[in-house]
Amino acid sequence: MIEPKKCKDMNDIRCAIDKIDANIVKLISKRSRYVHEASKFKKNETAVKDSSRVAKVIESKKELAIQHRISPKLIGDIYKMMIDFFIKEELKKWSKQQNKAL
């Protein structure tokens, strides 16, 4: 992939962004598979929601953002939205597992 400063035109920029976006989506998909598996290890809804863990994850990603010179607010907001979505999905899966156990 061409480095940003070496792009010669908008086509170079768009091709690079498309490749990056494909990798981002692939990694989010992989992350979601881990989240779904995590429900097996949770004892109750509080463990699924685990607000202290959520706060730690978001804070750590904001710190990474600073290291990589990107807006910590942007990264925090993205992770908040993603984690909220995954918690809802995990709660559904956890509830189904509990109903099967009964």
PDB file of N, CA and C in Angstrom:
ATOM      1  N   MET A   1       0.852  -1.171   0.000  1.00  0.00           N
ATOM      2  CA  MET A   1       0.000   0.000   0.000  1.00  0.00           C
ATOM      3  C   MET A   1       0.897   1.233   0.000  1.00  0.00           C
ATOM      4  N   ILE A   2       0.484   2.224  -0.721  1.00  0.00           N
ATOM      5  CA  ILE A   2       1.234   3.478  -0.828  1.00  0.00           C
ATOM      6  C   ILE A   2       1.104   4.264   0.477  1.00  0.00           C
ATOM      7  N   GLU A   3       2.196   4.833   0.918  1.00  0.00           N
ATOM      8  CA  GLU A   3       2.169   5.723   2.083  1.00  0.00           C
ATOM      9  C   GLU A   3       1.401   6.991   1.713  1.00  0.00           C
ATOM     10  N   PRO A   4       0.691   7.600   2.665  1.00  0.00           N
ATOM     11  CA  PRO A   4      -0.130   8.772   2.359  1.00  0.00           C
ATOM     12  C   PRO A   4       0.617   9.882   1.603  1.00  0.00           C
ATOM     13  N   LYS A   5       1.812  10.188   2.017  1.00  0.00           N
ATOM     14  CA  LYS A   5       2.577  11.278   1.377  1.00  0.00           C
ATOM     15  C   LYS A   5       3.007  10.937  -0.049  1.00  0.00           C
ATOM     16  N   LYS A   6       2.975   9.657  -0.402  1.00  0.00           N
ATOM     17  CA  LYS A   6       3.412   9.242  -1.736  1.00  0.00           C
ATOM     18  C   LYS A   6       2.262   9.087  -2.724  1.00  0.00           C
ATOM     19  N   CYS A   7       1.030   9.317  -2.265  1.00  0.00           N
ATOM     20  CA  CYS A   7      -0.123   9.222  -3.159  1.00  0.00           C
ATOM     21  C   CYS A   7      -0.030  10.325  -4.213  1.00  0.00           C
ATOM     22  N   LYS A   8      -0.340   9.936  -5.453  1.00  0.00           N
ATOM     23  CA  LYS A   8      -0.230  10.878  -6.565  1.00  0.00           C
ATOM     24  C   LYS A   8      -1.564  11.511  -6.945  1.00  0.00           C
ATOM     25  N   ASP A   9      -2.643  10.851  -6.544  1.00  0.00           N
ATOM     26  CA  ASP A   9      -3.963  11.375  -6.897  1.00  0.00           C
ATOM     27  C   ASP A   9      -5.024  10.780  -5.970  1.00  0.00           C
ATOM     28  N   MET A  10      -6.269  11.191  -6.194  1.00  0.00           N
ATOM     29  CA  MET A  10      -7.376  10.723  -5.354  1.00  0.00           C
ATOM     30  C   MET A  10      -7.597   9.223  -5.499  1.00  0.00           C
ATOM     31  N   ASN A  11      -7.298   8.681  -6.659  1.00  0.00           N
ATOM     32  CA  ASN A  11      -7.450   7.231  -6.838  1.00  0.00           C
ATOM     33  C   ASN A  11      -6.528   6.466  -5.881  1.00  0.00           C
ATOM     34  N   ASP A  12      -5.279   6.928  -5.751  1.00  0.00           N
ATOM     35  CA  ASP A  12      -4.353   6.305  -4.801  1.00  0.00           C
ATOM     36  C   ASP A  12      -4.898   6.387  -3.379  1.00  0.00           C
ATOM     37  N   ILE A  13      -5.421   7.551  -3.029  1.00  0.00           N
ATOM     38  CA  ILE A  13      -5.992   7.771  -1.689  1.00  0.00           C
ATOM     39  C   ILE A  13      -7.166   6.825  -1.459  1.00  0.00           C
ATOM     40  N   ARG A  14      -8.091   6.786  -2.409  1.00  0.00           N
ATOM     41  CA  ARG A  14      -9.293   5.963  -2.256  1.00  0.00           C
ATOM     42  C   ARG A  14      -8.970   4.478  -2.195  1.00  0.00           C
ATOM     43  N   CYS A  15      -8.037   4.031  -3.005  1.00  0.00           N
ATOM     44  CA  CYS A  15      -7.642   2.616  -2.978  1.00  0.00           C
ATOM     45  C   CYS A  15      -7.058   2.246  -1.621  1.00  0.00           C
ATOM     46  N   ALA A  16      -6.209   3.110  -1.095  1.00  0.00           N
ATOM     47  CA  ALA A  16      -5.602   2.840   0.211  1.00  0.00           C
ATOM     48  C   ALA A  16      -6.664   2.825   1.309  1.00  0.00           C
ATOM     49  N   ILE A  17      -7.572   3.782   1.282  1.00  0.00           N
ATOM     50  CA  ILE A  17      -8.646   3.839   2.286  1.00  0.00           C
ATOM     51  C   ILE A  17      -9.532   2.606   2.193  1.00  0.00           C
ATOM     52  N   ASP A  18      -9.850   2.176   0.975  1.00  0.00           N
ATOM     53  CA  ASP A  18     -10.671   0.971   0.808  1.00  0.00           C
ATOM     54  C   ASP A  18      -9.988  -0.260   1.400  1.00  0.00           C
ATOM     55  N   LYS A  19      -8.679  -0.388   1.211  1.00  0.00           N
ATOM     56  CA  LYS A  19      -7.940  -1.513   1.790  1.00  0.00           C
ATOM     57  C   LYS A  19      -7.948  -1.447   3.316  1.00  0.00           C
ATOM     58  N   ILE A  20      -7.749  -0.263   3.846  1.00  0.00           N
ATOM     59  CA  ILE A  20      -7.771  -0.082   5.300  1.00  0.00           C
ATOM     60  C   ILE A  20      -9.153  -0.424   5.847  1.00  0.00           C
ATOM     61  N   ASP A  21     -10.199   0.072   5.185  1.00  0.00           N
ATOM     62  CA  ASP A  21     -11.568  -0.208   5.643  1.00  0.00           C
ATOM     63  C   ASP A  21     -11.872  -1.698   5.620  1.00  0.00           C
ATOM     64  N   ALA A  22     -11.398  -2.398   4.600  1.00  0.00           N
ATOM     65  CA  ALA A  22     -11.614  -3.847   4.533  1.00  0.00           C
ATOM     66  C   ALA A  22     -10.957  -4.536   5.727  1.00  0.00           C
ATOM     67  N   ASN A  23      -9.772  -4.090   6.092  1.00  0.00           N
ATOM     68  CA  ASN A  23      -9.088  -4.664   7.265  1.00  0.00           C
ATOM     69  C   ASN A  23      -9.813  -4.332   8.559  1.00  0.00           C
ATOM     70  N   ILE A  24     -10.316  -3.108   8.677  1.00  0.00           N
ATOM     71  CA  ILE A  24     -11.053  -2.715   9.884  1.00  0.00           C
ATOM     72  C   ILE A  24     -12.287  -3.597  10.055  1.00  0.00           C
ATOM     73  N   VAL A  25     -13.052  -3.771   8.990  1.00  0.00           N
ATOM     74  CA  VAL A  25     -14.267  -4.594   9.065  1.00  0.00           C
ATOM     75  C   VAL A  25     -13.914  -6.038   9.409  1.00  0.00           C
ATOM     76  N   LYS A  26     -12.861  -6.560   8.805  1.00  0.00           N
ATOM     77  CA  LYS A  26     -12.427  -7.930   9.090  1.00  0.00           C
ATOM     78  C   LYS A  26     -12.055  -8.080  10.571  1.00  0.00           C
ATOM     79  N   LEU A  27     -11.353  -7.107  11.120  1.00  0.00           N
ATOM     80  CA  LEU A  27     -10.945  -7.173  12.521  1.00  0.00           C
ATOM     81  C   LEU A  27     -12.130  -7.013  13.474  1.00  0.00           C
ATOM     82  N   ILE A  28     -13.091  -6.166  13.123  1.00  0.00           N
ATOM     83  CA  ILE A  28     -14.290  -6.028  13.961  1.00  0.00           C
ATOM     84  C   ILE A  28     -15.070  -7.340  13.949  1.00  0.00           C
ATOM     85  N   SER A  29     -15.134  -7.982  12.806  1.00  0.00           N
ATOM     86  CA  SER A  29     -15.805  -9.278  12.720  1.00  0.00           C
ATOM     87  C   SER A  29     -15.119 -10.303  13.624  1.00  0.00           C
ATOM     88  N   LYS A  30     -13.808 -10.329  13.589  1.00  0.00           N
ATOM     89  CA  LYS A  30     -13.061 -11.260  14.442  1.00  0.00           C
ATOM     90  C   LYS A  30     -13.302 -10.933  15.913  1.00  0.00           C
ATOM     91  N   ARG A  31     -13.293  -9.651  16.256  1.00  0.00           N
ATOM     92  CA  ARG A  31     -13.551  -9.226  17.636  1.00  0.00           C
ATOM     93  C   ARG A  31     -14.930  -9.702  18.075  1.00  0.00           C
ATOM     94  N   SER A  32     -15.900  -9.603  17.182  1.00  0.00           N
ATOM     95  CA  SER A  32     -17.269  -9.995  17.543  1.00  0.00           C
ATOM     96  C   SER A  32     -17.359 -11.486  17.851  1.00  0.00           C
ATOM     97  N   ARG A  33     -16.570 -12.298  17.164  1.00  0.00           N
ATOM     98  CA  ARG A  33     -16.588 -13.743  17.452  1.00  0.00           C
ATOM     99  C   ARG A  33     -16.065 -14.024  18.862  1.00  0.00           C
ATOM    100  N   TYR A  34     -15.062 -13.278  19.302  1.00  0.00           N
ATOM    101  CA  TYR A  34     -14.576 -13.427  20.673  1.00  0.00           C
ATOM    102  C   TYR A  34     -15.638 -12.985  21.679  1.00  0.00           C
ATOM    103  N   VAL A  35     -16.312 -11.891  21.378  1.00  0.00           N
ATOM    104  CA  VAL A  35     -17.366 -11.391  22.266  1.00  0.00           C
ATOM    105  C   VAL A  35     -18.459 -12.441  22.416  1.00  0.00           C
ATOM    106  N   HIS A  36     -18.864 -13.042  21.316  1.00  0.00           N
ATOM    107  CA  HIS A  36     -19.919 -14.060  21.394  1.00  0.00           C
ATOM    108  C   HIS A  36     -19.471 -15.262  22.222  1.00  0.00           C
ATOM    109  N   GLU A  37     -18.244 -15.638  22.108  1.00  0.00           N
ATOM    110  CA  GLU A  37     -17.735 -16.756  22.906  1.00  0.00           C
ATOM    111  C   GLU A  37     -17.649 -16.395  24.387  1.00  0.00           C
ATOM    112  N   ALA A  38     -17.423 -15.130  24.683  1.00  0.00           N
ATOM    113  CA  ALA A  38     -17.280 -14.696  26.079  1.00  0.00           C
ATOM    114  C   ALA A  38     -18.536 -14.964  26.891  1.00  0.00           C
ATOM    115  N   SER A  39     -19.692 -14.968  26.251  1.00  0.00           N
ATOM    116  CA  SER A  39     -20.940 -15.190  26.985  1.00  0.00           C
ATOM    117  C   SER A  39     -20.958 -16.546  27.695  1.00  0.00           C
ATOM    118  N   LYS A  40     -20.204 -17.503  27.193  1.00  0.00           N
ATOM    119  CA  LYS A  40     -20.136 -18.826  27.827  1.00  0.00           C
ATOM    120  C   LYS A  40     -19.555 -18.770  29.234  1.00  0.00           C
ATOM    121  N   PHE A  41     -18.733 -17.756  29.478  1.00  0.00           N
ATOM    122  CA  PHE A  41     -17.994 -17.670  30.732  1.00  0.00           C
ATOM    123  C   PHE A  41     -18.617 -16.700  31.735  1.00  0.00           C
ATOM    124  N   LYS A  42     -19.729 -16.094  31.359  1.00  0.00           N
ATOM    125  CA  LYS A  42     -20.370 -15.101  32.218  1.00  0.00           C
ATOM    126  C   LYS A  42     -21.441 -15.770  33.062  1.00  0.00           C
ATOM    127  N   LYS A  43     -21.451 -15.454  34.345  1.00  0.00           N
ATOM    128  CA  LYS A  43     -22.374 -16.099  35.295  1.00  0.00           C
ATOM    129  C   LYS A  43     -23.734 -15.407  35.375  1.00  0.00           C
ATOM    130  N   ASN A  44     -23.753 -14.078  35.075  1.00  0.00           N
ATOM    131  CA  ASN A  44     -25.007 -13.326  35.194  1.00  0.00           C
ATOM    132  C   ASN A  44     -24.973 -12.097  34.284  1.00  0.00           C
ATOM    133  N   GLU A  45     -26.100 -11.385  34.235  1.00  0.00           N
ATOM    134  CA  GLU A  45     -26.192 -10.207  33.368  1.00  0.00           C
ATOM    135  C   GLU A  45     -25.197  -9.118  33.764  1.00  0.00           C
ATOM    136  N   THR A  46     -24.947  -8.986  35.050  1.00  0.00           N
ATOM    137  CA  THR A  46     -23.983  -7.988  35.511  1.00  0.00           C
ATOM    138  C   THR A  46     -22.602  -8.279  34.943  1.00  0.00           C
ATOM    139  N   ALA A  47     -22.237  -9.528  34.882  1.00  0.00           N
ATOM    140  CA  ALA A  47     -20.942  -9.922  34.319  1.00  0.00           C
ATOM    141  C   ALA A  47     -20.888  -9.627  32.824  1.00  0.00           C
ATOM    142  N   VAL A  48     -22.022  -9.775  32.150  1.00  0.00           N
ATOM    143  CA  VAL A  48     -22.076  -9.461  30.722  1.00  0.00           C
ATOM    144  C   VAL A  48     -21.864  -7.969  30.520  1.00  0.00           C
ATOM    145  N   LYS A  49     -22.527  -7.160  31.311  1.00  0.00           N
ATOM    146  CA  LYS A  49     -22.436  -5.703  31.156  1.00  0.00           C
ATOM    147  C   LYS A  49     -21.115  -5.147  31.676  1.00  0.00           C
ATOM    148  N   ASP A  50     -20.594  -5.681  32.756  1.00  0.00           N
ATOM    149  CA  ASP A  50     -19.309  -5.334  33.372  1.00  0.00           C
ATOM    150  C   ASP A  50     -18.846  -3.901  33.083  1.00  0.00           C
ATOM    151  N   SER A  51     -19.536  -2.949  33.669  1.00  0.00           N
ATOM    152  CA  SER A  51     -19.284  -1.529  33.394  1.00  0.00           C
ATOM    153  C   SER A  51     -17.865  -1.085  33.745  1.00  0.00           C
ATOM    154  N   SER A  52     -17.258  -1.691  34.759  1.00  0.00           N
ATOM    155  CA  SER A  52     -15.883  -1.291  35.086  1.00  0.00           C
ATOM    156  C   SER A  52     -14.924  -1.750  33.986  1.00  0.00           C
ATOM    157  N   ARG A  53     -15.149  -2.931  33.425  1.00  0.00           N
ATOM    158  CA  ARG A  53     -14.319  -3.412  32.311  1.00  0.00           C
ATOM    159  C   ARG A  53     -14.523  -2.543  31.082  1.00  0.00           C
ATOM    160  N   VAL A  54     -15.755  -2.178  30.801  1.00  0.00           N
ATOM    161  CA  VAL A  54     -16.044  -1.309  29.655  1.00  0.00           C
ATOM    162  C   VAL A  54     -15.281   0.005  29.788  1.00  0.00           C
ATOM    163  N   ALA A  55     -15.339   0.596  30.964  1.00  0.00           N
ATOM    164  CA  ALA A  55     -14.635   1.863  31.197  1.00  0.00           C
ATOM    165  C   ALA A  55     -13.132   1.709  30.982  1.00  0.00           C
ATOM    166  N   LYS A  56     -12.561   0.598  31.470  1.00  0.00           N
ATOM    167  CA  LYS A  56     -11.126   0.351  31.295  1.00  0.00           C
ATOM    168  C   LYS A  56     -10.764   0.182  29.823  1.00  0.00           C
ATOM    169  N   VAL A  57     -11.591  -0.550  29.093  1.00  0.00           N
ATOM    170  CA  VAL A  57     -11.327  -0.771  27.669  1.00  0.00           C
ATOM    171  C   VAL A  57     -11.355   0.553  26.923  1.00  0.00           C
ATOM    172  N   ILE A  58     -12.385   1.347  27.163  1.00  0.00           N
ATOM    173  CA  ILE A  58     -12.502   2.621  26.458  1.00  0.00           C
ATOM    174  C   ILE A  58     -11.329   3.537  26.810  1.00  0.00           C
ATOM    175  N   GLU A  59     -10.980   3.590  28.068  1.00  0.00           N
ATOM    176  CA  GLU A  59      -9.855   4.439  28.486  1.00  0.00           C
ATOM    177  C   GLU A  59      -8.551   3.971  27.843  1.00  0.00           C
ATOM    178  N   SER A  60      -8.335   2.670  27.801  1.00  0.00           N
ATOM    179  CA  SER A  60      -7.096   2.159  27.196  1.00  0.00           C
ATOM    180  C   SER A  60      -7.035   2.470  25.701  1.00  0.00           C
ATOM    181  N   LYS A  61      -8.191   2.455  25.033  1.00  0.00           N
ATOM    182  CA  LYS A  61      -8.208   2.766  23.597  1.00  0.00           C
ATOM    183  C   LYS A  61      -7.986   4.264  23.369  1.00  0.00           C
ATOM    184  N   LYS A  62      -8.449   5.096  24.290  1.00  0.00           N
ATOM    185  CA  LYS A  62      -8.164   6.528  24.190  1.00  0.00           C
ATOM    186  C   LYS A  62      -6.663   6.787  24.348  1.00  0.00           C
ATOM    187  N   GLU A  63      -6.029   6.036  25.240  1.00  0.00           N
ATOM    188  CA  GLU A  63      -4.584   6.168  25.413  1.00  0.00           C
ATOM    189  C   GLU A  63      -3.847   5.724  24.148  1.00  0.00           C
ATOM    190  N   LEU A  64      -4.308   4.633  23.541  1.00  0.00           N
ATOM    191  CA  LEU A  64      -3.731   4.204  22.265  1.00  0.00           C
ATOM    192  C   LEU A  64      -3.906   5.277  21.190  1.00  0.00           C
ATOM    193  N   ALA A  65      -5.070   5.903  21.198  1.00  0.00           N
ATOM    194  CA  ALA A  65      -5.340   6.966  20.224  1.00  0.00           C
ATOM    195  C   ALA A  65      -4.306   8.081  20.346  1.00  0.00           C
ATOM    196  N   ILE A  66      -4.030   8.473  21.570  1.00  0.00           N
ATOM    197  CA  ILE A  66      -3.031   9.526  21.794  1.00  0.00           C
ATOM    198  C   ILE A  66      -1.675   9.084  21.255  1.00  0.00           C
ATOM    199  N   GLN A  67      -1.294   7.843  21.537  1.00  0.00           N
ATOM    200  CA  GLN A  67      -0.016   7.322  21.041  1.00  0.00           C
ATOM    201  C   GLN A  67       0.060   7.340  19.515  1.00  0.00           C
ATOM    202  N   HIS A  68      -1.087   7.119  18.875  1.00  0.00           N
ATOM    203  CA  HIS A  68      -1.127   7.056  17.409  1.00  0.00           C
ATOM    204  C   HIS A  68      -1.578   8.368  16.775  1.00  0.00           C
ATOM    205  N   ARG A  69      -1.642   9.403  17.576  1.00  0.00           N
ATOM    206  CA  ARG A  69      -1.959  10.763  17.102  1.00  0.00           C
ATOM    207  C   ARG A  69      -3.304  10.849  16.380  1.00  0.00           C
ATOM    208  N   ILE A  70      -4.303  10.260  17.024  1.00  0.00           N
ATOM    209  CA  ILE A  70      -5.679  10.354  16.525  1.00  0.00           C
ATOM    210  C   ILE A  70      -6.534  10.824  17.693  1.00  0.00           C
ATOM    211  N   SER A  71      -7.653  11.410  17.405  1.00  0.00           N
ATOM    212  CA  SER A  71      -8.521  11.972  18.433  1.00  0.00           C
ATOM    213  C   SER A  71      -8.976  10.911  19.434  1.00  0.00           C
ATOM    214  N   PRO A  72      -8.645  11.083  20.726  1.00  0.00           N
ATOM    215  CA  PRO A  72      -9.137  10.140  21.732  1.00  0.00           C
ATOM    216  C   PRO A  72     -10.660  10.151  21.835  1.00  0.00           C
ATOM    217  N   LYS A  73     -11.275  11.304  21.581  1.00  0.00           N
ATOM    218  CA  LYS A  73     -12.743  11.378  21.613  1.00  0.00           C
ATOM    219  C   LYS A  73     -13.334  10.507  20.504  1.00  0.00           C
ATOM    220  N   LEU A  74     -12.775  10.618  19.303  1.00  0.00           N
ATOM    221  CA  LEU A  74     -13.258   9.802  18.190  1.00  0.00           C
ATOM    222  C   LEU A  74     -13.152   8.320  18.525  1.00  0.00           C
ATOM    223  N   ILE A  75     -11.981   7.894  18.977  1.00  0.00           N
ATOM    224  CA  ILE A  75     -11.765   6.486  19.279  1.00  0.00           C
ATOM    225  C   ILE A  75     -12.640   6.044  20.456  1.00  0.00           C
ATOM    226  N   GLY A  76     -12.753   6.879  21.473  1.00  0.00           N
ATOM    227  CA  GLY A  76     -13.625   6.563  22.610  1.00  0.00           C
ATOM    228  C   GLY A  76     -15.070   6.392  22.174  1.00  0.00           C
ATOM    229  N   ASP A  77     -15.539   7.299  21.315  1.00  0.00           N
ATOM    230  CA  ASP A  77     -16.925   7.218  20.824  1.00  0.00           C
ATOM    231  C   ASP A  77     -17.150   5.953  19.990  1.00  0.00           C
ATOM    232  N   ILE A  78     -16.192   5.638  19.135  1.00  0.00           N
ATOM    233  CA  ILE A  78     -16.309   4.427  18.304  1.00  0.00           C
ATOM    234  C   ILE A  78     -16.381   3.196  19.195  1.00  0.00           C
ATOM    235  N   TYR A  79     -15.481   3.105  20.169  1.00  0.00           N
ATOM    236  CA  TYR A  79     -15.472   1.938  21.055  1.00  0.00           C
ATOM    237  C   TYR A  79     -16.721   1.879  21.927  1.00  0.00           C
ATOM    238  N   LYS A  80     -17.201   3.005  22.383  1.00  0.00           N
ATOM    239  CA  LYS A  80     -18.427   3.033  23.194  1.00  0.00           C
ATOM    240  C   LYS A  80     -19.587   2.464  22.385  1.00  0.00           C
ATOM    241  N   MET A  81     -19.729   2.932  21.156  1.00  0.00           N
ATOM    242  CA  MET A  81     -20.811   2.459  20.299  1.00  0.00           C
ATOM    243  C   MET A  81     -20.660   0.962  20.000  1.00  0.00           C
ATOM    244  N   MET A  82     -19.437   0.537  19.688  1.00  0.00           N
ATOM    245  CA  MET A  82     -19.202  -0.864  19.360  1.00  0.00           C
ATOM    246  C   MET A  82     -19.458  -1.759  20.578  1.00  0.00           C
ATOM    247  N   ILE A  83     -18.954  -1.360  21.722  1.00  0.00           N
ATOM    248  CA  ILE A  83     -19.134  -2.163  22.933  1.00  0.00           C
ATOM    249  C   ILE A  83     -20.602  -2.221  23.331  1.00  0.00           C
ATOM    250  N   ASP A  84     -21.309  -1.104  23.247  1.00  0.00           N
ATOM    251  CA  ASP A  84     -22.750  -1.110  23.559  1.00  0.00           C
ATOM    252  C   ASP A  84     -23.487  -2.104  22.660  1.00  0.00           C
ATOM    253  N   PHE A  85     -23.155  -2.105  21.378  1.00  0.00           N
ATOM    254  CA  PHE A  85     -23.778  -3.042  20.448  1.00  0.00           C
ATOM    255  C   PHE A  85     -23.457  -4.484  20.845  1.00  0.00           C
ATOM    256  N   PHE A  86     -22.174  -4.762  21.098  1.00  0.00           N
ATOM    257  CA  PHE A  86     -21.768  -6.121  21.444  1.00  0.00           C
ATOM    258  C   PHE A  86     -22.368  -6.587  22.767  1.00  0.00           C
ATOM    259  N   ILE A  87     -22.522  -5.698  23.719  1.00  0.00           N
ATOM    260  CA  ILE A  87     -23.151  -6.084  24.993  1.00  0.00           C
ATOM    261  C   ILE A  87     -24.589  -6.528  24.752  1.00  0.00           C
ATOM    262  N   LYS A  88     -25.319  -5.792  23.927  1.00  0.00           N
ATOM    263  CA  LYS A  88     -26.697  -6.184  23.611  1.00  0.00           C
ATOM    264  C   LYS A  88     -26.725  -7.555  22.951  1.00  0.00           C
ATOM    265  N   GLU A  89     -25.813  -7.790  22.022  1.00  0.00           N
ATOM    266  CA  GLU A  89     -25.741  -9.086  21.349  1.00  0.00           C
ATOM    267  C   GLU A  89     -25.362 -10.195  22.336  1.00  0.00           C
ATOM    268  N   GLU A  90     -24.400  -9.904  23.189  1.00  0.00           N
ATOM    269  CA  GLU A  90     -23.960 -10.899  24.172  1.00  0.00           C
ATOM    270  C   GLU A  90     -25.070 -11.221  25.170  1.00  0.00           C
ATOM    271  N   LEU A  91     -25.840 -10.202  25.561  1.00  0.00           N
ATOM    272  CA  LEU A  91     -26.966 -10.442  26.478  1.00  0.00           C
ATOM    273  C   LEU A  91     -27.996 -11.373  25.848  1.00  0.00           C
ATOM    274  N   LYS A  92     -28.265 -11.187  24.562  1.00  0.00           N
ATOM    275  CA  LYS A  92     -29.205 -12.076  23.868  1.00  0.00           C
ATOM    276  C   LYS A  92     -28.686 -13.516  23.902  1.00  0.00           C
ATOM    277  N   LYS A  93     -27.412 -13.669  23.566  1.00  0.00           N
ATOM    278  CA  LYS A  93     -26.833 -15.011  23.540  1.00  0.00           C
ATOM    279  C   LYS A  93     -26.789 -15.610  24.944  1.00  0.00           C
ATOM    280  N   TRP A  94     -26.409 -14.821  25.925  1.00  0.00           N
ATOM    281  CA  TRP A  94     -26.345 -15.295  27.306  1.00  0.00           C
ATOM    282  C   TRP A  94     -27.732 -15.740  27.780  1.00  0.00           C
ATOM    283  N   SER A  95     -28.754 -14.942  27.474  1.00  0.00           N
ATOM    284  CA  SER A  95     -30.130 -15.285  27.870  1.00  0.00           C
ATOM    285  C   SER A  95     -30.566 -16.601  27.251  1.00  0.00           C
ATOM    286  N   LYS A  96     -30.246 -16.804  25.981  1.00  0.00           N
ATOM    287  CA  LYS A  96     -30.592 -18.064  25.313  1.00  0.00           C
ATOM    288  C   LYS A  96     -29.902 -19.242  25.984  1.00  0.00           C
ATOM    289  N   GLN A  97     -28.647 -19.051  26.355  1.00  0.00           N
ATOM    290  CA  GLN A  97     -27.911 -20.124  27.035  1.00  0.00           C
ATOM    291  C   GLN A  97     -28.528 -20.445  28.393  1.00  0.00           C
ATOM    292  N   GLN A  98     -28.986 -19.420  29.095  1.00  0.00           N
ATOM    293  CA  GLN A  98     -29.611 -19.636  30.405  1.00  0.00           C
ATOM    294  C   GLN A  98     -30.939 -20.373  30.252  1.00  0.00           C
ATOM    295  N   ASN A  99     -31.700 -20.012  29.226  1.00  0.00           N
ATOM    296  CA  ASN A  99     -32.982 -20.686  28.990  1.00  0.00           C
ATOM    297  C   ASN A  99     -32.786 -22.156  28.631  1.00  0.00           C
ATOM    298  N   LYS A 100     -31.718 -22.465  27.889  1.00  0.00           N
ATOM    299  CA  LYS A 100     -31.430 -23.856  27.542  1.00  0.00           C
ATOM    300  C   LYS A 100     -31.049 -24.663  28.788  1.00  0.00           C
ATOM    301  N   ALA A 101     -30.368 -24.005  29.716  1.00  0.00           N
ATOM    302  CA  ALA A 101     -29.907 -24.680  30.938  1.00  0.00           C
ATOM    303  C   ALA A 101     -31.069 -25.026  31.879  1.00  0.00           C
ATOM    304  N   LEU A 102     -32.183 -24.309  31.721  1.00  0.00           N
ATOM    305  CA  LEU A 102     -33.339 -24.551  32.601  1.00  0.00           C
ATOM    306  C   LEU A 102     -34.084 -25.741  32.159  1.00  0.00           C
TER     307      LEU A 102
END
